[in-house]
N, C-alpha and C. Protein backbone atom coordinates (compact mmCIF):
# COMPACT_ATOMS: atom_id res chain seq x y z
N UNK A 1 32.25 -2.57 5.10
CA UNK A 1 32.45 -1.42 4.24
C UNK A 1 31.09 -0.79 3.92
N UNK A 2 30.97 0.51 4.11
CA UNK A 2 29.72 1.21 3.86
C UNK A 2 29.48 1.36 2.36
N UNK A 3 28.25 1.19 1.99
CA UNK A 3 27.90 1.34 0.57
C UNK A 3 27.71 2.81 0.24
N UNK A 4 28.09 3.17 -0.96
CA UNK A 4 27.89 4.54 -1.40
C UNK A 4 26.45 4.71 -1.86
N UNK A 5 26.05 5.95 -2.02
CA UNK A 5 24.71 6.23 -2.51
C UNK A 5 24.51 5.63 -3.89
N UNK A 6 25.51 5.70 -4.74
CA UNK A 6 25.41 5.12 -6.09
C UNK A 6 25.24 3.62 -6.04
N UNK A 7 25.96 2.95 -5.13
CA UNK A 7 25.83 1.50 -5.01
C UNK A 7 24.43 1.11 -4.54
N UNK A 8 23.89 1.86 -3.57
CA UNK A 8 22.53 1.58 -3.09
C UNK A 8 21.51 1.81 -4.20
N UNK A 9 21.68 2.89 -4.96
CA UNK A 9 20.76 3.19 -6.06
C UNK A 9 20.83 2.10 -7.13
N UNK A 10 22.03 1.61 -7.42
CA UNK A 10 22.18 0.54 -8.42
C UNK A 10 21.50 -0.74 -7.95
N UNK A 11 21.63 -1.04 -6.66
CA UNK A 11 20.99 -2.24 -6.12
C UNK A 11 19.47 -2.11 -6.21
N UNK A 12 18.93 -0.91 -5.87
CA UNK A 12 17.49 -0.70 -5.97
C UNK A 12 17.04 -0.83 -7.42
N UNK A 13 17.78 -0.26 -8.35
CA UNK A 13 17.42 -0.35 -9.77
C UNK A 13 17.45 -1.79 -10.24
N UNK A 14 18.42 -2.55 -9.77
CA UNK A 14 18.51 -3.96 -10.13
C UNK A 14 17.30 -4.73 -9.63
N UNK A 15 16.88 -4.45 -8.39
CA UNK A 15 15.69 -5.12 -7.84
C UNK A 15 14.45 -4.74 -8.64
N UNK A 16 14.34 -3.45 -9.00
CA UNK A 16 13.19 -3.02 -9.78
C UNK A 16 13.19 -3.70 -11.14
N UNK A 17 14.34 -3.80 -11.76
CA UNK A 17 14.44 -4.44 -13.06
C UNK A 17 14.03 -5.89 -13.00
N UNK A 18 14.49 -6.59 -11.97
CA UNK A 18 14.13 -8.00 -11.82
C UNK A 18 12.64 -8.14 -11.56
N UNK A 19 12.11 -7.25 -10.75
CA UNK A 19 10.69 -7.34 -10.42
C UNK A 19 9.81 -6.98 -11.60
N UNK A 20 10.31 -6.15 -12.51
CA UNK A 20 9.46 -5.70 -13.60
C UNK A 20 9.29 -6.75 -14.68
N UNK A 21 10.07 -7.82 -14.62
CA UNK A 21 9.98 -8.86 -15.63
C UNK A 21 8.58 -9.49 -15.62
N UNK A 22 7.79 -9.12 -16.61
CA UNK A 22 6.45 -9.69 -16.74
C UNK A 22 5.41 -9.10 -15.82
N UNK A 23 5.73 -8.09 -15.06
CA UNK A 23 4.78 -7.48 -14.14
C UNK A 23 4.45 -6.07 -14.63
N UNK A 24 3.17 -5.76 -14.68
CA UNK A 24 2.74 -4.42 -15.06
C UNK A 24 2.06 -3.76 -13.87
N UNK A 25 2.25 -2.46 -13.76
CA UNK A 25 1.59 -1.65 -12.73
C UNK A 25 0.60 -0.77 -13.49
N UNK A 26 -0.66 -0.80 -13.05
CA UNK A 26 -1.68 -0.01 -13.74
C UNK A 26 -2.81 0.34 -12.78
N UNK A 27 -3.62 1.31 -13.20
CA UNK A 27 -4.82 1.64 -12.42
C UNK A 27 -5.76 0.44 -12.45
N UNK A 28 -6.41 0.21 -11.34
CA UNK A 28 -7.36 -0.89 -11.24
C UNK A 28 -8.64 -0.56 -12.02
N UNK A 29 -9.33 -1.59 -12.41
CA UNK A 29 -10.64 -1.46 -13.05
C UNK A 29 -11.65 -2.28 -12.25
N UNK A 30 -12.91 -2.14 -12.59
CA UNK A 30 -13.96 -2.89 -11.90
C UNK A 30 -13.72 -4.40 -12.00
N UNK A 31 -13.12 -4.85 -13.10
CA UNK A 31 -12.86 -6.28 -13.26
C UNK A 31 -11.83 -6.80 -12.26
N UNK A 32 -11.02 -5.91 -11.70
CA UNK A 32 -9.98 -6.30 -10.74
C UNK A 32 -10.51 -6.47 -9.32
N UNK A 33 -11.72 -6.00 -9.05
CA UNK A 33 -12.23 -5.98 -7.68
C UNK A 33 -12.23 -7.36 -7.03
N UNK A 34 -12.67 -8.45 -7.69
CA UNK A 34 -12.61 -9.76 -7.01
C UNK A 34 -11.19 -10.16 -6.59
N UNK A 35 -10.21 -9.91 -7.43
CA UNK A 35 -8.82 -10.26 -7.09
C UNK A 35 -8.29 -9.35 -5.98
N UNK A 36 -8.62 -8.07 -6.03
CA UNK A 36 -8.21 -7.14 -4.98
C UNK A 36 -8.84 -7.55 -3.65
N UNK A 37 -10.11 -7.94 -3.70
CA UNK A 37 -10.81 -8.37 -2.49
C UNK A 37 -10.16 -9.62 -1.91
N UNK A 38 -9.78 -10.56 -2.77
CA UNK A 38 -9.11 -11.77 -2.29
C UNK A 38 -7.79 -11.42 -1.61
N UNK A 39 -7.03 -10.49 -2.21
CA UNK A 39 -5.77 -10.05 -1.59
C UNK A 39 -6.05 -9.35 -0.26
N UNK A 40 -7.09 -8.54 -0.22
CA UNK A 40 -7.45 -7.83 1.00
C UNK A 40 -7.80 -8.83 2.11
N UNK A 41 -8.52 -9.89 1.74
CA UNK A 41 -8.85 -10.94 2.73
C UNK A 41 -7.57 -11.63 3.21
N UNK A 42 -6.64 -11.88 2.30
CA UNK A 42 -5.35 -12.48 2.68
C UNK A 42 -4.63 -11.58 3.67
N UNK A 43 -4.64 -10.26 3.39
CA UNK A 43 -3.98 -9.31 4.27
C UNK A 43 -4.65 -9.29 5.64
N UNK A 44 -5.97 -9.34 5.67
CA UNK A 44 -6.69 -9.33 6.95
C UNK A 44 -6.38 -10.59 7.76
N UNK A 45 -6.31 -11.73 7.09
CA UNK A 45 -5.96 -12.98 7.81
C UNK A 45 -4.52 -12.89 8.35
N UNK A 46 -3.62 -12.33 7.56
CA UNK A 46 -2.23 -12.13 7.98
C UNK A 46 -2.20 -11.30 9.27
N UNK A 47 -2.96 -10.19 9.29
CA UNK A 47 -2.99 -9.33 10.46
C UNK A 47 -3.69 -10.00 11.65
N UNK A 48 -4.78 -10.68 11.38
CA UNK A 48 -5.53 -11.34 12.46
C UNK A 48 -4.70 -12.39 13.16
N UNK A 49 -3.79 -13.03 12.44
CA UNK A 49 -2.91 -14.04 13.05
C UNK A 49 -1.92 -13.39 14.02
N UNK A 50 -1.73 -12.09 13.90
CA UNK A 50 -0.77 -11.38 14.74
C UNK A 50 -1.42 -10.52 15.81
N UNK A 51 -2.68 -10.13 15.59
CA UNK A 51 -3.34 -9.21 16.52
C UNK A 51 -4.85 -9.45 16.46
N UNK A 52 -5.46 -9.75 17.58
CA UNK A 52 -6.89 -10.08 17.61
C UNK A 52 -7.77 -8.94 17.13
N UNK A 53 -7.30 -7.71 17.20
CA UNK A 53 -8.11 -6.58 16.76
C UNK A 53 -8.38 -6.60 15.26
N UNK A 54 -7.66 -7.41 14.51
CA UNK A 54 -7.87 -7.50 13.07
C UNK A 54 -8.79 -8.66 12.69
N UNK A 55 -9.28 -9.39 13.68
CA UNK A 55 -10.16 -10.52 13.36
C UNK A 55 -11.46 -10.00 12.76
N UNK A 56 -11.87 -10.62 11.67
CA UNK A 56 -13.10 -10.22 10.99
C UNK A 56 -14.28 -10.96 11.61
N UNK A 57 -15.33 -10.22 11.94
CA UNK A 57 -16.50 -10.84 12.54
C UNK A 57 -17.70 -10.80 11.60
N UNK A 58 -17.69 -9.94 10.62
CA UNK A 58 -18.82 -9.84 9.69
C UNK A 58 -18.83 -11.05 8.77
N UNK A 59 -19.97 -11.70 8.71
CA UNK A 59 -20.10 -12.86 7.82
C UNK A 59 -19.94 -12.46 6.36
N UNK A 60 -20.30 -11.24 6.05
CA UNK A 60 -20.21 -10.76 4.68
C UNK A 60 -18.98 -9.87 4.46
N UNK A 61 -17.89 -10.17 5.16
CA UNK A 61 -16.68 -9.35 5.07
C UNK A 61 -16.20 -9.22 3.63
N UNK A 62 -16.20 -10.30 2.89
CA UNK A 62 -15.73 -10.27 1.51
C UNK A 62 -16.55 -9.29 0.67
N UNK A 63 -17.86 -9.35 0.78
CA UNK A 63 -18.69 -8.46 -0.04
C UNK A 63 -18.56 -7.01 0.42
N UNK A 64 -18.38 -6.80 1.72
CA UNK A 64 -18.17 -5.43 2.22
C UNK A 64 -16.85 -4.85 1.71
N UNK A 65 -15.82 -5.67 1.74
CA UNK A 65 -14.53 -5.21 1.22
C UNK A 65 -14.63 -4.91 -0.27
N UNK A 66 -15.32 -5.76 -1.02
CA UNK A 66 -15.49 -5.53 -2.46
C UNK A 66 -16.24 -4.23 -2.71
N UNK A 67 -17.29 -3.98 -1.94
CA UNK A 67 -18.05 -2.74 -2.09
C UNK A 67 -17.17 -1.52 -1.78
N UNK A 68 -16.37 -1.63 -0.74
CA UNK A 68 -15.47 -0.53 -0.37
C UNK A 68 -14.47 -0.24 -1.49
N UNK A 69 -13.84 -1.27 -2.01
CA UNK A 69 -12.84 -1.06 -3.07
C UNK A 69 -13.51 -0.54 -4.34
N UNK A 70 -14.71 -1.02 -4.66
CA UNK A 70 -15.44 -0.50 -5.82
C UNK A 70 -15.74 0.98 -5.67
N UNK A 71 -16.12 1.38 -4.47
CA UNK A 71 -16.40 2.80 -4.21
C UNK A 71 -15.13 3.64 -4.40
N UNK A 72 -13.98 3.09 -4.02
CA UNK A 72 -12.73 3.84 -4.17
C UNK A 72 -12.39 4.09 -5.64
N UNK A 73 -12.77 3.16 -6.50
CA UNK A 73 -12.53 3.33 -7.94
C UNK A 73 -13.22 4.58 -8.47
N UNK A 74 -14.35 4.92 -7.90
CA UNK A 74 -15.15 6.05 -8.38
C UNK A 74 -14.72 7.39 -7.77
N UNK A 75 -13.91 7.34 -6.73
CA UNK A 75 -13.49 8.58 -6.07
C UNK A 75 -12.39 9.29 -6.85
N UNK A 76 -12.56 10.57 -7.06
CA UNK A 76 -11.56 11.37 -7.76
C UNK A 76 -10.28 11.51 -6.94
N UNK A 77 -10.41 11.49 -5.62
CA UNK A 77 -9.27 11.68 -4.74
C UNK A 77 -8.73 10.37 -4.17
N UNK A 78 -8.92 9.30 -4.92
CA UNK A 78 -8.37 8.01 -4.53
C UNK A 78 -7.73 7.37 -5.75
N UNK A 79 -6.73 6.56 -5.49
CA UNK A 79 -6.07 5.83 -6.57
C UNK A 79 -5.90 4.38 -6.13
N UNK A 80 -6.47 3.49 -6.89
CA UNK A 80 -6.36 2.06 -6.64
C UNK A 80 -5.55 1.49 -7.79
N UNK A 81 -4.38 0.97 -7.45
CA UNK A 81 -3.42 0.50 -8.44
C UNK A 81 -3.16 -0.98 -8.22
N UNK A 82 -2.95 -1.71 -9.31
CA UNK A 82 -2.65 -3.13 -9.20
C UNK A 82 -1.34 -3.47 -9.90
N UNK A 83 -0.73 -4.54 -9.44
CA UNK A 83 0.41 -5.16 -10.13
C UNK A 83 -0.13 -6.46 -10.71
N UNK A 84 0.07 -6.64 -12.00
CA UNK A 84 -0.44 -7.84 -12.65
C UNK A 84 0.66 -8.61 -13.34
N UNK A 85 0.50 -9.91 -13.35
CA UNK A 85 1.44 -10.79 -14.03
C UNK A 85 0.64 -11.91 -14.69
N UNK A 86 0.87 -12.10 -15.96
CA UNK A 86 0.15 -13.13 -16.73
C UNK A 86 -1.36 -13.00 -16.57
N UNK A 87 -1.84 -11.76 -16.58
CA UNK A 87 -3.27 -11.51 -16.48
C UNK A 87 -3.86 -11.65 -15.09
N UNK A 88 -3.03 -11.89 -14.08
CA UNK A 88 -3.49 -12.06 -12.71
C UNK A 88 -3.03 -10.91 -11.83
N UNK A 89 -3.92 -10.42 -10.98
CA UNK A 89 -3.56 -9.38 -10.01
C UNK A 89 -2.83 -10.04 -8.86
N UNK A 90 -1.59 -9.58 -8.59
CA UNK A 90 -0.78 -10.18 -7.54
C UNK A 90 -0.45 -9.20 -6.41
N UNK A 91 -0.87 -7.94 -6.59
CA UNK A 91 -0.63 -6.93 -5.55
C UNK A 91 -1.52 -5.72 -5.84
N UNK A 92 -1.78 -4.93 -4.81
CA UNK A 92 -2.54 -3.70 -5.02
C UNK A 92 -2.13 -2.66 -3.99
N UNK A 93 -2.45 -1.40 -4.31
CA UNK A 93 -2.20 -0.29 -3.41
C UNK A 93 -3.38 0.68 -3.51
N UNK A 94 -3.92 1.07 -2.37
CA UNK A 94 -4.96 2.08 -2.31
C UNK A 94 -4.39 3.31 -1.62
N UNK A 95 -4.40 4.43 -2.32
CA UNK A 95 -3.93 5.70 -1.79
C UNK A 95 -5.05 6.72 -1.91
N UNK A 96 -5.17 7.60 -0.94
CA UNK A 96 -6.20 8.64 -0.97
C UNK A 96 -5.61 9.99 -0.59
N UNK A 97 -6.23 11.05 -1.08
CA UNK A 97 -5.85 12.40 -0.69
C UNK A 97 -6.54 12.69 0.64
N UNK A 98 -5.79 13.19 1.59
CA UNK A 98 -6.34 13.53 2.90
C UNK A 98 -5.95 14.97 3.23
N UNK A 99 -6.75 15.59 4.08
CA UNK A 99 -6.52 16.99 4.45
C UNK A 99 -6.56 17.17 5.96
N UNK A 100 -5.80 18.13 6.41
CA UNK A 100 -5.82 18.55 7.81
C UNK A 100 -6.42 19.96 7.87
N UNK A 101 -6.82 20.40 9.05
CA UNK A 101 -7.33 21.77 9.19
C UNK A 101 -6.27 22.79 8.75
N UNK A 102 -6.71 23.99 8.37
CA UNK A 102 -5.79 25.00 7.82
C UNK A 102 -4.79 25.58 8.81
N UNK A 103 -4.74 25.09 10.04
CA UNK A 103 -3.77 25.61 11.01
C UNK A 103 -2.40 24.95 10.85
N UNK A 104 -2.34 23.85 10.09
CA UNK A 104 -1.10 23.10 9.96
C UNK A 104 -0.28 23.56 8.75
N UNK A 105 1.03 23.43 8.87
CA UNK A 105 1.93 23.76 7.76
C UNK A 105 1.66 22.85 6.57
N UNK A 106 1.58 21.55 6.80
CA UNK A 106 1.26 20.59 5.73
C UNK A 106 -0.21 20.22 5.91
N UNK A 107 -1.02 20.66 4.97
CA UNK A 107 -2.46 20.43 5.10
C UNK A 107 -2.96 19.30 4.21
N UNK A 108 -2.30 19.05 3.09
CA UNK A 108 -2.78 18.02 2.17
C UNK A 108 -1.69 16.99 1.96
N UNK A 109 -2.09 15.74 1.99
CA UNK A 109 -1.13 14.66 1.81
C UNK A 109 -1.83 13.48 1.15
N UNK A 110 -1.02 12.53 0.71
CA UNK A 110 -1.53 11.25 0.24
C UNK A 110 -1.37 10.28 1.41
N UNK A 111 -2.41 9.51 1.68
CA UNK A 111 -2.31 8.45 2.67
C UNK A 111 -2.39 7.11 1.95
N UNK A 112 -1.39 6.29 2.17
CA UNK A 112 -1.46 4.93 1.66
C UNK A 112 -2.31 4.16 2.65
N UNK A 113 -3.50 3.79 2.22
CA UNK A 113 -4.46 3.13 3.10
C UNK A 113 -4.23 1.62 3.18
N UNK A 114 -3.97 1.02 2.04
CA UNK A 114 -3.74 -0.43 1.95
C UNK A 114 -2.63 -0.67 0.94
N UNK A 115 -1.80 -1.63 1.25
CA UNK A 115 -0.89 -2.17 0.25
C UNK A 115 -0.75 -3.65 0.57
N UNK A 116 -0.96 -4.47 -0.43
CA UNK A 116 -0.87 -5.90 -0.22
C UNK A 116 -0.22 -6.56 -1.43
N UNK A 117 0.77 -7.37 -1.16
CA UNK A 117 1.41 -8.19 -2.18
C UNK A 117 1.14 -9.64 -1.79
N UNK A 118 0.66 -10.43 -2.74
CA UNK A 118 0.38 -11.85 -2.46
C UNK A 118 1.62 -12.49 -1.86
N UNK A 119 1.43 -13.34 -0.88
CA UNK A 119 2.54 -13.93 -0.11
C UNK A 119 3.63 -14.50 -1.01
N UNK A 120 3.27 -15.21 -2.05
CA UNK A 120 4.29 -15.86 -2.88
C UNK A 120 5.03 -14.90 -3.81
N UNK A 121 4.60 -13.63 -3.85
CA UNK A 121 5.25 -12.65 -4.72
C UNK A 121 5.99 -11.56 -3.93
N UNK A 122 6.10 -11.73 -2.62
CA UNK A 122 6.76 -10.72 -1.80
C UNK A 122 8.28 -10.75 -1.99
N UNK A 123 8.90 -9.62 -1.61
CA UNK A 123 10.35 -9.45 -1.63
C UNK A 123 10.91 -9.50 -3.05
N UNK A 124 10.11 -8.98 -4.00
CA UNK A 124 10.54 -8.89 -5.40
C UNK A 124 10.44 -7.46 -5.93
N UNK A 125 10.19 -6.52 -5.03
CA UNK A 125 10.13 -5.12 -5.44
C UNK A 125 8.76 -4.62 -5.86
N UNK A 126 7.73 -5.44 -5.73
CA UNK A 126 6.40 -5.01 -6.16
C UNK A 126 5.84 -3.90 -5.27
N UNK A 127 6.00 -4.03 -3.96
CA UNK A 127 5.54 -2.99 -3.06
C UNK A 127 6.23 -1.67 -3.37
N UNK A 128 7.51 -1.72 -3.62
CA UNK A 128 8.27 -0.52 -3.97
C UNK A 128 7.73 0.10 -5.26
N UNK A 129 7.42 -0.72 -6.25
CA UNK A 129 6.90 -0.20 -7.52
C UNK A 129 5.51 0.41 -7.34
N UNK A 130 4.68 -0.22 -6.53
CA UNK A 130 3.36 0.36 -6.24
C UNK A 130 3.51 1.69 -5.50
N UNK A 131 4.45 1.73 -4.57
CA UNK A 131 4.71 2.98 -3.85
C UNK A 131 5.20 4.06 -4.81
N UNK A 132 6.09 3.72 -5.72
CA UNK A 132 6.58 4.70 -6.70
C UNK A 132 5.44 5.26 -7.54
N UNK A 133 4.45 4.42 -7.85
CA UNK A 133 3.27 4.91 -8.57
C UNK A 133 2.51 5.92 -7.71
N UNK A 134 2.38 5.65 -6.41
CA UNK A 134 1.71 6.59 -5.51
C UNK A 134 2.47 7.91 -5.44
N UNK A 135 3.80 7.83 -5.45
CA UNK A 135 4.63 9.04 -5.44
C UNK A 135 4.37 9.86 -6.70
N UNK A 136 4.34 9.21 -7.85
CA UNK A 136 4.08 9.93 -9.10
C UNK A 136 2.69 10.56 -9.10
N UNK A 137 1.71 9.84 -8.57
CA UNK A 137 0.35 10.38 -8.47
C UNK A 137 0.35 11.61 -7.57
N UNK A 138 1.03 11.54 -6.43
CA UNK A 138 1.12 12.69 -5.52
C UNK A 138 1.75 13.89 -6.23
N UNK A 139 2.86 13.65 -6.91
CA UNK A 139 3.54 14.74 -7.62
C UNK A 139 2.65 15.35 -8.70
N UNK A 140 1.88 14.51 -9.39
CA UNK A 140 1.00 15.03 -10.45
C UNK A 140 -0.09 15.94 -9.88
N UNK A 141 -0.36 15.81 -8.59
CA UNK A 141 -1.36 16.64 -7.92
C UNK A 141 -0.70 17.73 -7.07
N UNK A 142 0.61 17.89 -7.24
CA UNK A 142 1.41 18.88 -6.48
C UNK A 142 1.33 18.64 -4.98
N UNK A 143 1.24 17.39 -4.59
CA UNK A 143 1.23 17.01 -3.17
C UNK A 143 2.62 16.49 -2.84
N UNK A 144 3.18 16.99 -1.77
CA UNK A 144 4.57 16.70 -1.44
C UNK A 144 4.75 15.87 -0.17
N UNK A 145 3.68 15.25 0.30
CA UNK A 145 3.80 14.43 1.52
C UNK A 145 2.96 13.17 1.35
N UNK A 146 3.53 12.04 1.76
CA UNK A 146 2.82 10.78 1.79
C UNK A 146 2.94 10.22 3.19
N UNK A 147 1.82 9.75 3.73
CA UNK A 147 1.80 9.16 5.06
C UNK A 147 1.27 7.74 4.97
N UNK A 148 1.66 6.94 5.93
CA UNK A 148 1.20 5.56 6.02
C UNK A 148 1.07 5.20 7.49
N UNK A 149 0.09 4.37 7.80
CA UNK A 149 -0.04 3.79 9.14
C UNK A 149 0.10 2.29 8.97
N UNK A 150 0.75 1.66 9.93
CA UNK A 150 0.85 0.20 9.88
C UNK A 150 0.89 -0.34 11.30
N UNK A 151 0.44 -1.56 11.42
CA UNK A 151 0.38 -2.20 12.73
C UNK A 151 1.77 -2.59 13.20
N UNK A 152 2.10 -2.32 14.45
CA UNK A 152 3.41 -2.71 14.97
C UNK A 152 3.62 -4.23 14.95
N UNK A 153 2.52 -4.97 14.93
CA UNK A 153 2.64 -6.43 14.88
C UNK A 153 2.98 -6.95 13.48
N UNK A 154 2.95 -6.07 12.49
CA UNK A 154 3.26 -6.47 11.11
C UNK A 154 4.75 -6.30 10.86
N UNK A 155 5.48 -7.39 11.03
CA UNK A 155 6.94 -7.34 10.88
C UNK A 155 7.38 -6.97 9.46
N UNK A 156 6.57 -7.30 8.47
CA UNK A 156 6.92 -6.95 7.09
C UNK A 156 6.85 -5.44 6.90
N UNK A 157 5.77 -4.83 7.37
CA UNK A 157 5.60 -3.38 7.24
C UNK A 157 6.64 -2.62 8.07
N UNK A 158 6.98 -3.16 9.24
CA UNK A 158 7.96 -2.48 10.10
C UNK A 158 9.31 -2.33 9.42
N UNK A 159 9.65 -3.21 8.50
CA UNK A 159 10.92 -3.06 7.78
C UNK A 159 10.71 -2.39 6.42
N UNK A 160 9.56 -2.64 5.77
CA UNK A 160 9.33 -2.12 4.42
C UNK A 160 9.26 -0.59 4.38
N UNK A 161 8.38 -0.01 5.18
CA UNK A 161 8.18 1.44 5.08
C UNK A 161 9.42 2.24 5.45
N UNK A 162 10.14 1.92 6.51
CA UNK A 162 11.39 2.65 6.77
C UNK A 162 12.42 2.48 5.65
N UNK A 163 12.40 1.34 4.95
CA UNK A 163 13.35 1.16 3.85
C UNK A 163 13.08 2.13 2.70
N UNK A 164 11.87 2.68 2.66
CA UNK A 164 11.51 3.67 1.64
C UNK A 164 11.77 5.09 2.13
N UNK A 165 12.23 5.23 3.36
CA UNK A 165 12.54 6.54 3.89
C UNK A 165 11.52 7.08 4.88
N UNK A 166 10.47 6.34 5.18
CA UNK A 166 9.46 6.81 6.12
C UNK A 166 10.04 6.84 7.52
N UNK A 167 9.62 7.85 8.29
CA UNK A 167 10.01 7.93 9.69
C UNK A 167 8.77 8.25 10.51
N UNK A 168 8.80 7.89 11.74
CA UNK A 168 7.65 8.06 12.63
C UNK A 168 7.53 9.52 13.02
N UNK A 169 6.31 10.05 12.93
CA UNK A 169 6.08 11.38 13.45
C UNK A 169 4.91 11.39 14.42
N UNK A 170 4.15 10.30 14.47
CA UNK A 170 3.05 10.20 15.41
C UNK A 170 2.78 8.73 15.69
N UNK A 171 2.39 8.43 16.88
CA UNK A 171 1.98 7.08 17.21
C UNK A 171 0.56 7.13 17.73
N UNK A 172 -0.21 6.10 17.40
CA UNK A 172 -1.60 6.03 17.85
C UNK A 172 -1.72 4.96 18.92
N UNK A 173 -2.56 5.21 19.87
CA UNK A 173 -2.82 4.24 20.92
C UNK A 173 -4.31 4.02 21.06
N UNK A 174 -4.68 3.05 21.84
CA UNK A 174 -6.09 2.79 22.10
C UNK A 174 -6.25 2.28 23.51
N UNK A 175 -7.45 2.39 24.01
CA UNK A 175 -7.82 1.91 25.34
C UNK A 175 -9.15 1.22 25.21
N UNK A 176 -9.20 -0.05 25.57
CA UNK A 176 -10.46 -0.80 25.55
C UNK A 176 -11.22 -0.49 26.82
N UNK A 177 -12.48 -0.17 26.71
CA UNK A 177 -13.32 0.12 27.89
C UNK A 177 -14.34 -0.99 28.07
C-alpha cells in the first residue's frame, strides 16, 4: 500500500522529534574546532576505506583540517553548524555560498561541502536536521538552490541525499595520468 504525503510527513516529523531529544543544532564556535576536526578525520577514514583517492598522506592532516574549519568560521559566506548532545559535538555541516558565471539561469547556490555524523549517532535524523538548518540559511539569503557532491563509493550518502529530494544534474569524472 502506497503511503500518502501526510503519512510520509508524519513519519519524518516523528523521526525529527525522536532525534531532537537532547540534541541541539547551533552555529559552531572556535571551541568546537577540535571536535569538528575529529569528526572530519573519522569521515576521511570512512572514505579512505572505500576509495584510495581519499587516503590522507599529510602527516599534519589533523592540523590542516582544523585550520581549514577555523577559516570557515570567519567567512561571511560560509556556515559551520554542529549538532551537540550533553555538551559534545556529534555531527557537523559545512555549507558555503557559491557562484557561477552570469550566463547561467541559476548563478548563486549553497553548496554543502561536508556533513558528518559520528558513526554511533547515525540514522537518528541528525543529518536531516543539519540539512534543514542549511535550507533555512539559504532562504535567509534569498538563495533557492542547494547542491551537494558525494562519492559514489559512499553508500550512506547515496541513499541520504536522494531521500531529501536531491537529484543528479551533473557527474564528475577523472583521469589519472
